[in-house]
């Protein structure tokens, strides 16, 4: 048998289709430099919506039998967040911190519930929580990433979610990125980030709970690129502004052992 690219055979498929390339860049930016637009530090303003009735998401009481509700008794409609997206070789690390202001006075006066943590004071203390998504190049050789796991706010408190094989992070055009994260029998999450220029982008996200048979979160936001110094100062200032207790303040700078 002859070989492709010889006089008797057509050009090798690997020269036109990266899926068949025996060798290729083993780093994310080498396979597709457009990922560079998503990397860096960002300040994010996020608005969450009630998936049933519309309008801004409202605070709700903490229920000890549902650990995730520890995130609920705060002013949840508008959150501040800081994103640190880093490409390291074949891996993409999305480390994020979300902040919530103290709950409004009318909520605290209307309901009674046990505190989600020692020192919680409804209407006085705010909240911060880490969230992480970790992805890596796959064997498609087309620049798409397979998502390995999610932690913190993107999982059940105290747990790490290992993603199903269908969970992917892809570039849909020169300015758009789409993340699909699935955990069979548990949840499905779709996030989209669209850049308007090199420094600003829109964010949309929909999270669906399989056991609850419904959408749990609908969110939209704006990303603004900032420097590392602005990122670190933003974390410090927001912790103080939202009166986040020391025990809830997330490690800074963020690190990952994934």
C-alpha atoms as a PDB file:
ATOM      1  CA  UNK A   1       0.000   0.000   0.000  1.00  0.00           C
ATOM      2  CA  UNK A   2       1.161   3.489  -0.766  1.00  0.00           C
ATOM      3  CA  UNK A   3       1.053   6.480   1.489  1.00  0.00           C
ATOM      4  CA  UNK A   4      -1.048   9.618   1.280  1.00  0.00           C
ATOM      5  CA  UNK A   5       0.658  12.615  -0.309  1.00  0.00           C
ATOM      6  CA  UNK A   6       2.317  10.274  -2.819  1.00  0.00           C
ATOM      7  CA  UNK A   7       1.890  10.231  -6.605  1.00  0.00           C
ATOM      8  CA  UNK A   8      -0.838   7.569  -6.426  1.00  0.00           C
ATOM      9  CA  UNK A   9      -2.793   8.830  -3.445  1.00  0.00           C
ATOM     10  CA  UNK A  10      -4.598  11.958  -2.364  1.00  0.00           C
ATOM     11  CA  UNK A  11      -3.374  14.453   0.214  1.00  0.00           C
ATOM     12  CA  UNK A  12      -3.312  13.235   3.799  1.00  0.00           C
ATOM     13  CA  UNK A  13      -6.594  13.988   5.579  1.00  0.00           C
ATOM     14  CA  UNK A  14      -4.619  15.145   8.604  1.00  0.00           C
ATOM     15  CA  UNK A  15      -3.401  18.152   6.630  1.00  0.00           C
ATOM     16  CA  UNK A  16      -6.928  19.538   6.280  1.00  0.00           C
ATOM     17  CA  UNK A  17      -8.764  18.015   9.250  1.00  0.00           C
ATOM     18  CA  UNK A  18      -7.191  18.494  12.725  1.00  0.00           C
ATOM     19  CA  UNK A  19      -9.184  15.529  14.076  1.00  0.00           C
ATOM     20  CA  UNK A  20      -6.791  13.202  12.228  1.00  0.00           C
ATOM     21  CA  UNK A  21      -3.546  15.013  13.008  1.00  0.00           C
ATOM     22  CA  UNK A  22      -1.026  12.690  14.632  1.00  0.00           C
ATOM     23  CA  UNK A  23       0.728  15.595  16.248  1.00  0.00           C
ATOM     24  CA  UNK A  24      -0.425  19.062  17.142  1.00  0.00           C
ATOM     25  CA  UNK A  25       0.007  21.789  19.744  1.00  0.00           C
ATOM     26  CA  UNK A  26      -0.451  20.386  23.232  1.00  0.00           C
ATOM     27  CA  UNK A  27      -1.346  23.721  24.782  1.00  0.00           C
ATOM     28  CA  UNK A  28      -4.669  25.544  24.620  1.00  0.00           C
ATOM     29  CA  UNK A  29      -3.401  28.778  23.112  1.00  0.00           C
ATOM     30  CA  UNK A  30      -1.310  26.857  20.591  1.00  0.00           C
ATOM     31  CA  UNK A  31      -4.364  24.990  19.310  1.00  0.00           C
ATOM     32  CA  UNK A  32      -6.536  28.106  19.188  1.00  0.00           C
ATOM     33  CA  UNK A  33      -5.203  31.498  20.188  1.00  0.00           C
ATOM     34  CA  UNK A  34      -8.725  32.871  20.547  1.00  0.00           C
ATOM     35  CA  UNK A  35      -8.854  31.335  24.030  1.00  0.00           C
ATOM     36  CA  UNK A  36      -6.501  34.145  25.030  1.00  0.00           C
ATOM     37  CA  UNK A  37      -9.415  36.592  24.950  1.00  0.00           C
ATOM     38  CA  UNK A  38     -11.122  34.659  27.756  1.00  0.00           C
ATOM     39  CA  UNK A  39      -8.058  34.547  30.009  1.00  0.00           C
ATOM     40  CA  UNK A  40      -7.180  37.197  32.564  1.00  0.00           C
ATOM     41  CA  UNK A  41      -8.914  39.013  35.422  1.00  0.00           C
ATOM     42  CA  UNK A  42     -12.468  40.343  35.241  1.00  0.00           C
ATOM     43  CA  UNK A  43     -14.910  42.263  37.398  1.00  0.00           C
ATOM     44  CA  UNK A  44     -18.428  40.936  36.862  1.00  0.00           C
ATOM     45  CA  UNK A  45     -21.832  42.422  37.654  1.00  0.00           C
ATOM     46  CA  UNK A  46     -24.431  39.637  37.757  1.00  0.00           C
ATOM     47  CA  UNK A  47     -28.202  39.886  37.956  1.00  0.00           C
ATOM     48  CA  UNK A  48     -30.185  36.743  38.826  1.00  0.00           C
ATOM     49  CA  UNK A  49     -33.809  36.288  37.842  1.00  0.00           C
ATOM     50  CA  UNK A  50     -36.640  34.272  39.344  1.00  0.00           C
ATOM     51  CA  UNK A  51     -36.993  31.353  36.884  1.00  0.00           C
ATOM     52  CA  UNK A  52     -40.699  30.924  37.710  1.00  0.00           C
ATOM     53  CA  UNK A  53     -42.185  34.378  38.178  1.00  0.00           C
ATOM     54  CA  UNK A  54     -39.614  36.575  36.481  1.00  0.00           C
ATOM     55  CA  UNK A  55     -38.149  39.695  38.019  1.00  0.00           C
ATOM     56  CA  UNK A  56     -35.064  39.790  40.200  1.00  0.00           C
ATOM     57  CA  UNK A  57     -34.243  36.809  42.383  1.00  0.00           C
ATOM     58  CA  UNK A  58     -35.315  37.388  45.978  1.00  0.00           C
ATOM     59  CA  UNK A  59     -33.718  36.143  49.221  1.00  0.00           C
ATOM     60  CA  UNK A  60     -35.132  33.031  50.842  1.00  0.00           C
ATOM     61  CA  UNK A  61     -34.706  31.397  54.291  1.00  0.00           C
ATOM     62  CA  UNK A  62     -31.981  28.936  55.107  1.00  0.00           C
ATOM     63  CA  UNK A  63     -33.153  25.322  55.471  1.00  0.00           C
ATOM     64  CA  UNK A  64     -30.631  23.057  57.273  1.00  0.00           C
ATOM     65  CA  UNK A  65     -31.965  20.049  55.346  1.00  0.00           C
ATOM     66  CA  UNK A  66     -30.982  21.711  52.056  1.00  0.00           C
ATOM     67  CA  UNK A  67     -27.317  22.788  52.338  1.00  0.00           C
ATOM     68  CA  UNK A  68     -27.455  24.903  49.162  1.00  0.00           C
ATOM     69  CA  UNK A  69     -29.917  27.292  50.858  1.00  0.00           C
ATOM     70  CA  UNK A  70     -27.027  28.631  52.954  1.00  0.00           C
ATOM     71  CA  UNK A  71     -26.508  30.859  49.893  1.00  0.00           C
ATOM     72  CA  UNK A  72     -30.072  32.165  49.984  1.00  0.00           C
ATOM     73  CA  UNK A  73     -30.729  34.627  52.863  1.00  0.00           C
ATOM     74  CA  UNK A  74     -28.957  37.540  51.157  1.00  0.00           C
ATOM     75  CA  UNK A  75     -29.701  40.232  48.611  1.00  0.00           C
ATOM     76  CA  UNK A  76     -29.342  37.768  45.736  1.00  0.00           C
ATOM     77  CA  UNK A  77     -30.850  39.729  42.862  1.00  0.00           C
ATOM     78  CA  UNK A  78     -27.632  41.596  42.029  1.00  0.00           C
ATOM     79  CA  UNK A  79     -24.239  40.122  42.844  1.00  0.00           C
ATOM     80  CA  UNK A  80     -20.686  41.266  42.337  1.00  0.00           C
ATOM     81  CA  UNK A  81     -18.085  38.749  41.210  1.00  0.00           C
ATOM     82  CA  UNK A  82     -14.420  38.533  40.310  1.00  0.00           C
ATOM     83  CA  UNK A  83     -13.131  36.031  37.746  1.00  0.00           C
ATOM     84  CA  UNK A  84      -9.597  34.730  37.324  1.00  0.00           C
ATOM     85  CA  UNK A  85      -9.316  32.679  34.104  1.00  0.00           C
ATOM     86  CA  UNK A  86      -5.935  31.051  33.498  1.00  0.00           C
ATOM     87  CA  UNK A  87      -4.645  28.831  30.681  1.00  0.00           C
ATOM     88  CA  UNK A  88      -1.846  26.565  31.892  1.00  0.00           C
ATOM     89  CA  UNK A  89      -0.570  24.297  29.138  1.00  0.00           C
ATOM     90  CA  UNK A  90      -3.460  22.031  28.186  1.00  0.00           C
ATOM     91  CA  UNK A  91      -5.685  23.161  31.079  1.00  0.00           C
ATOM     92  CA  UNK A  92      -8.066  26.059  31.566  1.00  0.00           C
ATOM     93  CA  UNK A  93      -8.756  27.080  35.161  1.00  0.00           C
ATOM     94  CA  UNK A  94     -11.807  29.231  35.868  1.00  0.00           C
ATOM     95  CA  UNK A  95     -11.542  30.482  39.449  1.00  0.00           C
ATOM     96  CA  UNK A  96     -14.358  32.804  40.487  1.00  0.00           C
ATOM     97  CA  UNK A  97     -15.647  34.525  43.631  1.00  0.00           C
ATOM     98  CA  UNK A  98     -19.252  35.686  44.037  1.00  0.00           C
ATOM     99  CA  UNK A  99     -20.409  38.282  46.582  1.00  0.00           C
ATOM    100  CA  UNK A 100     -23.912  38.943  47.932  1.00  0.00           C
ATOM    101  CA  UNK A 101     -24.989  41.953  49.968  1.00  0.00           C
ATOM    102  CA  UNK A 102     -26.784  41.525  53.316  1.00  0.00           C
ATOM    103  CA  UNK A 103     -30.486  40.712  53.008  1.00  0.00           C
ATOM    104  CA  UNK A 104     -32.915  43.657  52.946  1.00  0.00           C
ATOM    105  CA  UNK A 105     -34.551  44.665  56.234  1.00  0.00           C
ATOM    106  CA  UNK A 106     -38.074  43.736  55.118  1.00  0.00           C
ATOM    107  CA  UNK A 107     -36.999  40.142  54.445  1.00  0.00           C
ATOM    108  CA  UNK A 108     -35.316  39.782  57.837  1.00  0.00           C
ATOM    109  CA  UNK A 109     -38.373  41.219  59.615  1.00  0.00           C
ATOM    110  CA  UNK A 110     -40.807  38.898  57.845  1.00  0.00           C
ATOM    111  CA  UNK A 111     -39.208  35.463  58.285  1.00  0.00           C
ATOM    112  CA  UNK A 112     -37.466  33.446  60.981  1.00  0.00           C
ATOM    113  CA  UNK A 113     -34.897  30.723  60.275  1.00  0.00           C
ATOM    114  CA  UNK A 114     -31.763  29.240  61.863  1.00  0.00           C
ATOM    115  CA  UNK A 115     -28.497  30.979  60.932  1.00  0.00           C
ATOM    116  CA  UNK A 116     -26.585  29.292  58.056  1.00  0.00           C
ATOM    117  CA  UNK A 117     -23.340  29.756  59.996  1.00  0.00           C
ATOM    118  CA  UNK A 118     -22.225  30.977  63.403  1.00  0.00           C
ATOM    119  CA  UNK A 119     -22.158  34.746  63.512  1.00  0.00           C
ATOM    120  CA  UNK A 120     -24.759  35.243  60.753  1.00  0.00           C
ATOM    121  CA  UNK A 121     -26.824  38.365  61.324  1.00  0.00           C
ATOM    122  CA  UNK A 122     -29.683  38.816  58.847  1.00  0.00           C
ATOM    123  CA  UNK A 123     -29.500  42.205  57.190  1.00  0.00           C
ATOM    124  CA  UNK A 124     -26.001  42.834  58.510  1.00  0.00           C
ATOM    125  CA  UNK A 125     -23.625  40.153  57.217  1.00  0.00           C
ATOM    126  CA  UNK A 126     -22.968  39.552  53.529  1.00  0.00           C
ATOM    127  CA  UNK A 127     -21.699  36.466  51.761  1.00  0.00           C
ATOM    128  CA  UNK A 128     -18.874  35.356  49.480  1.00  0.00           C
ATOM    129  CA  UNK A 129     -18.342  32.010  47.835  1.00  0.00           C
ATOM    130  CA  UNK A 130     -15.738  30.443  45.585  1.00  0.00           C
ATOM    131  CA  UNK A 131     -16.694  28.728  42.328  1.00  0.00           C
ATOM    132  CA  UNK A 132     -14.415  26.794  40.015  1.00  0.00           C
ATOM    133  CA  UNK A 133     -14.569  25.029  36.661  1.00  0.00           C
ATOM    134  CA  UNK A 134     -11.624  23.074  35.291  1.00  0.00           C
ATOM    135  CA  UNK A 135     -11.262  21.968  31.672  1.00  0.00           C
ATOM    136  CA  UNK A 136      -8.556  20.574  29.395  1.00  0.00           C
ATOM    137  CA  UNK A 137      -7.850  19.890  25.750  1.00  0.00           C
ATOM    138  CA  UNK A 138      -9.370  16.687  24.401  1.00  0.00           C
ATOM    139  CA  UNK A 139      -8.490  14.382  21.502  1.00  0.00           C
ATOM    140  CA  UNK A 140     -10.570  16.324  18.988  1.00  0.00           C
ATOM    141  CA  UNK A 141      -7.558  18.560  18.269  1.00  0.00           C
ATOM    142  CA  UNK A 142      -9.911  21.394  17.312  1.00  0.00           C
ATOM    143  CA  UNK A 143      -9.343  23.684  20.290  1.00  0.00           C
ATOM    144  CA  UNK A 144     -12.430  22.512  22.188  1.00  0.00           C
ATOM    145  CA  UNK A 145     -12.065  21.632  25.863  1.00  0.00           C
ATOM    146  CA  UNK A 146     -13.554  18.831  27.926  1.00  0.00           C
ATOM    147  CA  UNK A 147     -14.759  19.940  31.356  1.00  0.00           C
ATOM    148  CA  UNK A 148     -13.431  17.760  34.161  1.00  0.00           C
ATOM    149  CA  UNK A 149     -15.100  19.105  37.289  1.00  0.00           C
ATOM    150  CA  UNK A 150     -16.794  21.943  39.109  1.00  0.00           C
ATOM    151  CA  UNK A 151     -16.434  23.031  42.722  1.00  0.00           C
ATOM    152  CA  UNK A 152     -17.815  25.520  45.219  1.00  0.00           C
ATOM    153  CA  UNK A 153     -20.838  27.492  44.094  1.00  0.00           C
ATOM    154  CA  UNK A 154     -21.014  25.389  40.928  1.00  0.00           C
ATOM    155  CA  UNK A 155     -21.594  22.210  42.942  1.00  0.00           C
ATOM    156  CA  UNK A 156     -23.375  21.078  46.099  1.00  0.00           C
ATOM    157  CA  UNK A 157     -21.765  22.593  49.230  1.00  0.00           C
ATOM    158  CA  UNK A 158     -18.902  20.410  50.419  1.00  0.00           C
ATOM    159  CA  UNK A 159     -18.816  18.363  47.206  1.00  0.00           C
ATOM    160  CA  UNK A 160     -16.911  18.301  43.939  1.00  0.00           C
ATOM    161  CA  UNK A 161     -18.869  17.551  40.766  1.00  0.00           C
ATOM    162  CA  UNK A 162     -17.046  15.440  38.201  1.00  0.00           C
ATOM    163  CA  UNK A 163     -18.539  16.245  34.823  1.00  0.00           C
ATOM    164  CA  UNK A 164     -19.957  13.785  32.312  1.00  0.00           C
ATOM    165  CA  UNK A 165     -17.982  13.199  29.123  1.00  0.00           C
ATOM    166  CA  UNK A 166     -20.435  15.324  27.122  1.00  0.00           C
ATOM    167  CA  UNK A 167     -19.492  18.442  29.091  1.00  0.00           C
ATOM    168  CA  UNK A 168     -17.618  20.765  26.735  1.00  0.00           C
ATOM    169  CA  UNK A 169     -16.266  24.300  26.536  1.00  0.00           C
ATOM    170  CA  UNK A 170     -16.141  25.576  22.950  1.00  0.00           C
ATOM    171  CA  UNK A 171     -15.392  28.640  20.858  1.00  0.00           C
ATOM    172  CA  UNK A 172     -18.416  29.360  18.678  1.00  0.00           C
ATOM    173  CA  UNK A 173     -16.925  32.344  16.805  1.00  0.00           C
ATOM    174  CA  UNK A 174     -14.100  34.841  17.195  1.00  0.00           C
ATOM    175  CA  UNK A 175     -15.816  36.531  20.135  1.00  0.00           C
ATOM    176  CA  UNK A 176     -18.080  33.876  21.668  1.00  0.00           C
ATOM    177  CA  UNK A 177     -17.532  31.030  24.113  1.00  0.00           C
ATOM    178  CA  UNK A 178     -20.075  28.423  25.189  1.00  0.00           C
ATOM    179  CA  UNK A 179     -19.862  26.129  28.209  1.00  0.00           C
ATOM    180  CA  UNK A 180     -22.102  23.068  28.634  1.00  0.00           C
ATOM    181  CA  UNK A 181     -21.745  21.203  31.923  1.00  0.00           C
ATOM    182  CA  UNK A 182     -23.808  18.098  32.659  1.00  0.00           C
ATOM    183  CA  UNK A 183     -24.011  15.745  35.601  1.00  0.00           C
ATOM    184  CA  UNK A 184     -26.306  12.837  34.762  1.00  0.00           C
ATOM    185  CA  UNK A 185     -29.341  12.723  37.028  1.00  0.00           C
ATOM    186  CA  UNK A 186     -28.261  15.886  38.832  1.00  0.00           C
ATOM    187  CA  UNK A 187     -28.083  19.082  36.792  1.00  0.00           C
ATOM    188  CA  UNK A 188     -27.327  20.763  33.495  1.00  0.00           C
ATOM    189  CA  UNK A 189     -25.658  24.152  33.131  1.00  0.00           C
ATOM    190  CA  UNK A 190     -25.200  26.315  30.031  1.00  0.00           C
ATOM    191  CA  UNK A 191     -23.098  29.477  30.076  1.00  0.00           C
ATOM    192  CA  UNK A 192     -22.370  31.850  27.211  1.00  0.00           C
ATOM    193  CA  UNK A 193     -19.780  34.638  27.112  1.00  0.00           C
ATOM    194  CA  UNK A 194     -19.773  37.065  24.184  1.00  0.00           C
ATOM    195  CA  UNK A 195     -17.066  39.723  23.855  1.00  0.00           C
ATOM    196  CA  UNK A 196     -17.902  43.140  22.383  1.00  0.00           C
ATOM    197  CA  UNK A 197     -14.229  44.092  22.284  1.00  0.00           C
ATOM    198  CA  UNK A 198     -11.074  42.841  23.995  1.00  0.00           C
ATOM    199  CA  UNK A 199     -12.112  44.090  27.425  1.00  0.00           C
ATOM    200  CA  UNK A 200     -15.903  43.815  27.805  1.00  0.00           C
ATOM    201  CA  UNK A 201     -18.309  40.919  27.387  1.00  0.00           C
ATOM    202  CA  UNK A 202     -21.800  39.745  28.240  1.00  0.00           C
ATOM    203  CA  UNK A 203     -22.548  36.654  30.307  1.00  0.00           C
ATOM    204  CA  UNK A 204     -25.695  34.528  30.349  1.00  0.00           C
ATOM    205  CA  UNK A 205     -26.303  31.333  32.304  1.00  0.00           C
ATOM    206  CA  UNK A 206     -29.126  28.854  32.872  1.00  0.00           C
ATOM    207  CA  UNK A 207     -28.904  26.091  35.490  1.00  0.00           C
ATOM    208  CA  UNK A 208     -31.419  23.242  35.512  1.00  0.00           C
ATOM    209  CA  UNK A 209     -31.977  20.745  38.338  1.00  0.00           C
ATOM    210  CA  UNK A 210     -32.895  17.273  37.123  1.00  0.00           C
ATOM    211  CA  UNK A 211     -34.332  16.008  40.471  1.00  0.00           C
ATOM    212  CA  UNK A 212     -36.415  19.182  40.863  1.00  0.00           C
ATOM    213  CA  UNK A 213     -37.468  19.043  37.193  1.00  0.00           C
ATOM    214  CA  UNK A 214     -36.992  22.709  36.611  1.00  0.00           C
ATOM    215  CA  UNK A 215     -34.709  25.672  36.068  1.00  0.00           C
ATOM    216  CA  UNK A 216     -33.133  26.869  39.306  1.00  0.00           C
ATOM    217  CA  UNK A 217     -31.083  29.840  38.113  1.00  0.00           C
ATOM    218  CA  UNK A 218     -31.252  32.323  35.263  1.00  0.00           C
ATOM    219  CA  UNK A 219     -28.533  34.960  35.269  1.00  0.00           C
ATOM    220  CA  UNK A 220     -27.087  37.672  33.055  1.00  0.00           C
ATOM    221  CA  UNK A 221     -24.074  39.851  33.571  1.00  0.00           C
ATOM    222  CA  UNK A 222     -21.289  42.024  32.222  1.00  0.00           C
ATOM    223  CA  UNK A 223     -17.564  41.235  32.342  1.00  0.00           C
ATOM    224  CA  UNK A 224     -14.990  44.023  32.435  1.00  0.00           C
ATOM    225  CA  UNK A 225     -11.289  43.217  32.140  1.00  0.00           C
ATOM    226  CA  UNK A 226      -9.133  44.513  35.010  1.00  0.00           C
ATOM    227  CA  UNK A 227      -5.526  44.187  36.146  1.00  0.00           C
ATOM    228  CA  UNK A 228      -4.338  41.729  38.778  1.00  0.00           C
ATOM    229  CA  UNK A 229      -3.853  44.585  41.243  1.00  0.00           C
ATOM    230  CA  UNK A 230      -7.416  45.770  40.613  1.00  0.00           C
ATOM    231  CA  UNK A 231      -8.623  42.204  41.055  1.00  0.00           C
ATOM    232  CA  UNK A 232      -6.958  41.802  44.454  1.00  0.00           C
ATOM    233  CA  UNK A 233      -8.072  45.236  45.642  1.00  0.00           C
ATOM    234  CA  UNK A 234     -11.603  44.538  44.422  1.00  0.00           C
ATOM    235  CA  UNK A 235     -11.788  41.393  46.530  1.00  0.00           C
ATOM    236  CA  UNK A 236     -10.615  43.250  49.621  1.00  0.00           C
ATOM    237  CA  UNK A 237     -12.902  46.237  49.093  1.00  0.00           C
ATOM    238  CA  UNK A 238     -16.000  44.116  48.330  1.00  0.00           C
ATOM    239  CA  UNK A 239     -15.446  41.931  51.388  1.00  0.00           C
ATOM    240  CA  UNK A 240     -15.496  45.096  53.483  1.00  0.00           C
ATOM    241  CA  UNK A 241     -18.352  46.796  51.625  1.00  0.00           C
ATOM    242  CA  UNK A 242     -20.617  43.739  51.897  1.00  0.00           C
ATOM    243  CA  UNK A 243     -19.510  43.038  55.483  1.00  0.00           C
ATOM    244  CA  UNK A 244     -18.469  39.448  54.730  1.00  0.00           C
ATOM    245  CA  UNK A 245     -17.398  37.607  57.919  1.00  0.00           C
ATOM    246  CA  UNK A 246     -13.735  36.646  58.081  1.00  0.00           C
ATOM    247  CA  UNK A 247     -14.501  32.919  58.008  1.00  0.00           C
ATOM    248  CA  UNK A 248     -16.312  33.306  54.673  1.00  0.00           C
ATOM    249  CA  UNK A 249     -13.673  35.385  52.960  1.00  0.00           C
ATOM    250  CA  UNK A 250     -12.140  33.375  50.138  1.00  0.00           C
ATOM    251  CA  UNK A 251      -8.386  32.807  49.943  1.00  0.00           C
ATOM    252  CA  UNK A 252      -6.626  35.456  47.882  1.00  0.00           C
ATOM    253  CA  UNK A 253      -4.868  34.973  45.567  1.00  0.00           C
ATOM    254  CA  UNK A 254      -6.874  31.913  44.591  1.00  0.00           C
ATOM    255  CA  UNK A 255      -4.994  28.689  44.071  1.00  0.00           C
ATOM    256  CA  UNK A 256      -5.931  25.309  42.635  1.00  0.00           C
ATOM    257  CA  UNK A 257      -4.583  21.805  43.113  1.00  0.00           C
ATOM    258  CA  UNK A 258      -6.467  20.445  40.075  1.00  0.00           C
END
